[in-house]
Amino acid sequence: GTAFLAEGYPHYFANFGPGVLHACIGGEADFSHWDTTWFPEFLSDISEFERLRFDPQGKWWTAIRRATKALLDELGDELVVSIADLGGGADILASAVTTHQLLLDVIERPEAVKLALNHCHELWMRAYEDNVSWFAGRQEVTAPWWPVVSRGRTYMTQCDFNSMISPELFADLFADELGAIYAKLDNGAFHRDGIGTEVHVPALLAQKGLHCI
């Protein structure tokens, strides 16, 4: 007879780093720093991204699955266990080829960026669907890495990369991909991160299914 709502519910984030999908599609994860995770670049060109595949049996995804299921087994009756922090499409592209290179590509090769982002979206959705399936019959709610809770499917989407680009570039290249994610969720959310990123709010609000910023 108890419902934990807003700030009052216990939440545990199974943290493998922001944008861990990077490590599940061909990249690696660097845990050598005690307080953060880094994802080293592993592609020499944005056009190589379309060759990447999501491996649900890979080393890092297996580790995330085992940790999540162990948390559900041990603590699932006492607190809400989070979905993994898969990252945002633009941020995953940036970590794969470096932020500097992606900044050049959005100006010089926007079509190549769009193709890579579309493929990243497909990989992201496969990972999300697999991730959220672990909670079926275990929790009545879903919660992402940020402590919000939803009776249906949710995720706290990101595009930290947009702190370095114009509203026009964000709207043209990245906003619709976020909207495609919200279309698959019951409650879409966005984490606005970075000084000056309020300029992107109009493009975000144009996306149906976004319920929280």
Protein backbone atom coordinates (compact mmCIF):
# COMPACT_ATOMS: atom_id res chain seq x y z
CA GLY A 1 0.00 0.00 0.00
CA THR A 2 2.98 2.33 -0.27
CA ALA A 3 3.93 4.40 -3.32
CA PHE A 4 7.24 6.24 -3.51
CA LEU A 5 6.90 9.33 -5.68
CA ALA A 6 9.03 12.32 -6.69
CA GLU A 7 11.99 12.70 -4.34
CA GLY A 8 10.63 10.11 -1.95
CA TYR A 9 11.45 6.88 -3.77
CA PRO A 10 14.65 4.83 -3.39
CA HIS A 11 16.63 4.63 -6.62
CA TYR A 12 19.87 2.86 -7.55
CA PHE A 13 21.77 3.70 -10.72
CA ALA A 14 23.78 0.77 -12.07
CA ASN A 15 26.55 3.05 -13.29
CA PHE A 16 28.91 1.89 -16.03
CA GLY A 17 29.56 5.41 -17.26
CA PRO A 18 27.69 7.99 -19.36
CA GLY A 19 27.23 6.67 -22.88
CA VAL A 20 28.19 3.06 -22.22
CA LEU A 21 26.67 1.97 -25.54
CA HIS A 22 30.02 3.10 -26.97
CA ALA A 23 31.64 0.07 -25.32
CA CYS A 24 28.92 -2.30 -26.55
CA ILE A 25 29.24 -1.55 -30.27
CA GLY A 26 32.98 -1.91 -30.76
CA GLY A 27 34.60 0.60 -28.44
CA GLU A 28 36.14 0.18 -25.01
CA ALA A 29 35.55 1.60 -21.52
CA ASP A 30 38.34 3.09 -19.42
CA PHE A 31 37.77 2.70 -15.67
CA SER A 32 41.28 3.74 -14.66
CA HIS A 33 40.05 7.01 -13.10
CA TRP A 34 38.45 6.57 -9.68
CA ASP A 35 35.60 9.05 -10.20
CA THR A 36 34.59 8.78 -13.87
CA THR A 37 34.53 6.60 -16.97
CA TRP A 38 36.09 7.46 -20.33
CA PHE A 39 35.34 6.00 -23.74
CA PRO A 40 38.40 6.23 -26.05
CA GLU A 41 37.93 6.94 -29.75
CA PHE A 42 38.04 3.88 -31.97
CA LEU A 43 36.99 5.06 -35.44
CA SER A 44 39.11 7.07 -37.85
CA ASP A 45 36.18 8.38 -39.88
CA ILE A 46 32.47 8.99 -39.26
CA SER A 47 31.59 6.89 -42.33
CA GLU A 48 32.87 3.78 -40.51
CA PHE A 49 30.07 4.03 -37.95
CA GLU A 50 27.54 2.31 -40.20
CA ARG A 51 29.56 -0.92 -39.97
CA LEU A 52 29.13 -1.18 -36.19
CA ARG A 53 26.86 -3.75 -34.58
CA PHE A 54 25.34 -4.13 -31.12
CA ASP A 55 26.46 -7.39 -29.53
CA PRO A 56 24.14 -8.42 -26.67
CA GLN A 57 26.66 -11.16 -25.74
CA GLY A 58 29.63 -8.78 -25.67
CA LYS A 59 31.85 -8.24 -22.63
CA TRP A 60 30.43 -4.94 -21.44
CA TRP A 61 26.76 -5.62 -22.15
CA THR A 62 27.08 -8.96 -20.34
CA ALA A 63 28.58 -7.13 -17.34
CA ILE A 64 25.74 -4.59 -17.31
CA ARG A 65 23.12 -7.35 -17.57
CA ARG A 66 24.67 -9.36 -14.73
CA ALA A 67 24.97 -6.33 -12.46
CA THR A 68 21.40 -5.19 -13.17
CA LYS A 69 19.92 -8.63 -12.58
CA ALA A 70 21.93 -9.05 -9.38
CA LEU A 71 20.57 -5.74 -8.12
CA LEU A 72 17.03 -6.77 -9.01
CA ASP A 73 17.48 -10.10 -7.22
CA GLU A 74 18.99 -8.60 -4.07
CA LEU A 75 17.26 -5.22 -3.81
CA GLY A 76 14.39 -5.20 -6.28
CA ASP A 77 11.75 -5.34 -3.55
CA GLU A 78 13.29 -2.37 -1.73
CA LEU A 79 14.27 0.13 -4.39
CA VAL A 80 13.99 1.04 -8.08
CA VAL A 81 16.92 -0.16 -10.20
CA SER A 82 17.79 2.02 -13.16
CA ILE A 83 18.15 1.37 -16.86
CA ALA A 84 21.76 1.73 -18.06
CA ASP A 85 23.09 5.12 -19.18
CA LEU A 86 23.27 4.29 -22.89
CA GLY A 87 24.14 7.87 -23.82
CA GLY A 88 22.90 10.17 -26.53
CA GLY A 89 23.36 9.53 -30.23
CA ALA A 90 25.44 12.64 -30.90
CA ASP A 91 27.59 12.00 -27.83
CA ILE A 92 28.24 8.40 -28.89
CA LEU A 93 29.34 9.62 -32.34
CA ALA A 94 31.61 12.17 -30.65
CA SER A 95 33.24 9.58 -28.41
CA ALA A 96 33.79 7.25 -31.38
CA VAL A 97 35.59 9.78 -33.61
CA THR A 98 36.45 12.53 -31.03
CA THR A 99 34.41 15.63 -30.31
CA HIS A 100 36.80 17.76 -32.36
CA GLN A 101 36.28 15.62 -35.46
CA LEU A 102 32.49 15.54 -35.08
CA LEU A 103 32.45 19.35 -34.81
CA LEU A 104 34.24 19.48 -38.15
CA ASP A 105 31.95 16.83 -39.65
CA VAL A 106 28.68 18.60 -38.76
CA ILE A 107 29.91 21.58 -40.80
CA GLU A 108 31.74 19.86 -43.64
CA ARG A 109 29.91 16.50 -43.93
CA PRO A 110 26.41 16.82 -42.44
CA GLU A 111 24.99 14.03 -44.60
CA ALA A 112 27.62 11.59 -43.33
CA VAL A 113 26.73 12.61 -39.77
CA LYS A 114 23.03 11.98 -40.46
CA LEU A 115 23.74 8.50 -41.83
CA ALA A 116 25.89 7.65 -38.82
CA LEU A 117 23.28 9.05 -36.41
CA ASN A 118 20.49 7.02 -38.04
CA HIS A 119 22.53 3.85 -37.61
CA CYS A 120 23.39 4.80 -34.04
CA HIS A 121 19.68 5.22 -33.35
CA GLU A 122 19.00 1.65 -34.52
CA LEU A 123 21.75 0.30 -32.27
CA TRP A 124 20.50 2.44 -29.38
CA MET A 125 16.94 1.14 -29.70
CA ARG A 126 18.11 -2.48 -29.80
CA ALA A 127 20.11 -1.94 -26.63
CA TYR A 128 17.23 -0.10 -24.93
CA GLU A 129 14.70 -2.81 -25.79
CA ASP A 130 17.01 -5.50 -24.47
CA ASN A 131 17.80 -3.47 -21.34
CA VAL A 132 14.18 -2.69 -20.49
CA SER A 133 13.18 -6.35 -21.03
CA TRP A 134 15.22 -7.32 -17.95
CA PHE A 135 12.73 -5.45 -15.78
CA ALA A 136 9.59 -7.18 -17.09
CA GLY A 137 7.71 -8.70 -14.17
CA ARG A 138 10.31 -7.36 -11.72
CA GLN A 139 9.37 -3.68 -11.37
CA GLU A 140 6.10 -1.86 -11.99
CA VAL A 141 8.02 1.25 -13.05
CA THR A 142 11.08 2.19 -15.06
CA ALA A 143 13.75 4.69 -14.12
CA PRO A 144 16.78 5.94 -16.05
CA TRP A 145 20.16 7.04 -14.68
CA TRP A 146 18.58 10.32 -13.53
CA PRO A 147 16.16 9.71 -10.62
CA VAL A 148 12.82 10.13 -12.32
CA VAL A 149 10.24 7.35 -12.32
CA SER A 150 7.60 6.31 -14.85
CA ARG A 151 4.70 3.90 -14.73
CA GLY A 152 5.57 3.13 -18.34
CA ARG A 153 8.75 3.19 -20.39
CA THR A 154 11.01 6.17 -19.90
CA TYR A 155 14.57 7.34 -20.51
CA MET A 156 16.54 10.49 -19.75
CA THR A 157 17.93 11.32 -23.19
CA GLN A 158 21.03 13.42 -23.69
CA CYS A 159 22.83 15.50 -26.28
CA ASP A 160 25.69 17.09 -24.37
CA PHE A 161 27.32 17.76 -27.74
CA ASN A 162 24.73 20.47 -28.40
CA SER A 163 26.52 22.79 -25.96
CA MET A 164 29.03 23.37 -28.78
CA ILE A 165 26.74 23.85 -31.79
CA SER A 166 24.13 26.34 -32.94
CA PRO A 167 20.37 25.88 -32.50
CA GLU A 168 20.12 25.52 -36.29
CA LEU A 169 22.61 22.65 -36.41
CA PHE A 170 20.98 20.92 -33.46
CA ALA A 171 17.52 21.23 -35.02
CA ASP A 172 18.74 20.09 -38.45
CA LEU A 173 20.89 17.14 -37.39
CA PHE A 174 20.02 15.84 -33.93
CA ALA A 175 16.57 16.89 -32.62
CA ASP A 176 14.53 14.52 -34.79
CA GLU A 177 16.53 11.51 -33.61
CA LEU A 178 15.57 12.36 -30.05
CA GLY A 179 11.95 12.66 -31.17
CA ALA A 180 12.15 9.16 -32.66
CA ILE A 181 13.14 7.87 -29.22
CA TYR A 182 10.28 9.70 -27.49
CA ALA A 183 7.86 8.08 -29.95
CA LYS A 184 8.81 4.70 -28.46
CA LEU A 185 8.47 5.81 -24.82
CA ASP A 186 5.53 6.52 -22.55
CA ASN A 187 7.35 9.38 -20.86
CA GLY A 188 10.26 10.96 -22.67
CA ALA A 189 12.74 13.16 -20.78
CA PHE A 190 15.82 15.21 -21.72
CA HIS A 191 18.83 16.19 -19.63
CA ARG A 192 19.95 19.70 -20.60
CA ASP A 193 23.63 19.87 -19.77
CA GLY A 194 25.91 22.83 -20.44
CA ILE A 195 26.02 26.60 -20.21
CA GLY A 196 23.87 28.23 -22.90
CA THR A 197 22.03 25.07 -23.92
CA GLU A 198 18.66 26.71 -23.21
CA VAL A 199 18.83 27.91 -26.84
CA HIS A 200 17.96 24.35 -27.89
CA VAL A 201 14.75 24.13 -25.87
CA PRO A 202 12.46 25.25 -28.75
CA ALA A 203 13.72 22.39 -30.96
CA LEU A 204 13.23 19.97 -28.08
CA LEU A 205 9.70 21.15 -27.37
CA ALA A 206 8.83 20.53 -31.01
CA GLN A 207 9.34 16.80 -30.40
CA LYS A 208 6.14 14.95 -29.48
CA GLY A 209 6.39 12.69 -26.46
CA LEU A 210 8.85 14.83 -24.51
CA HIS A 211 7.36 15.32 -21.04
CA CYS A 212 10.28 16.52 -18.95
CA ILE A 213 13.39 18.67 -19.39
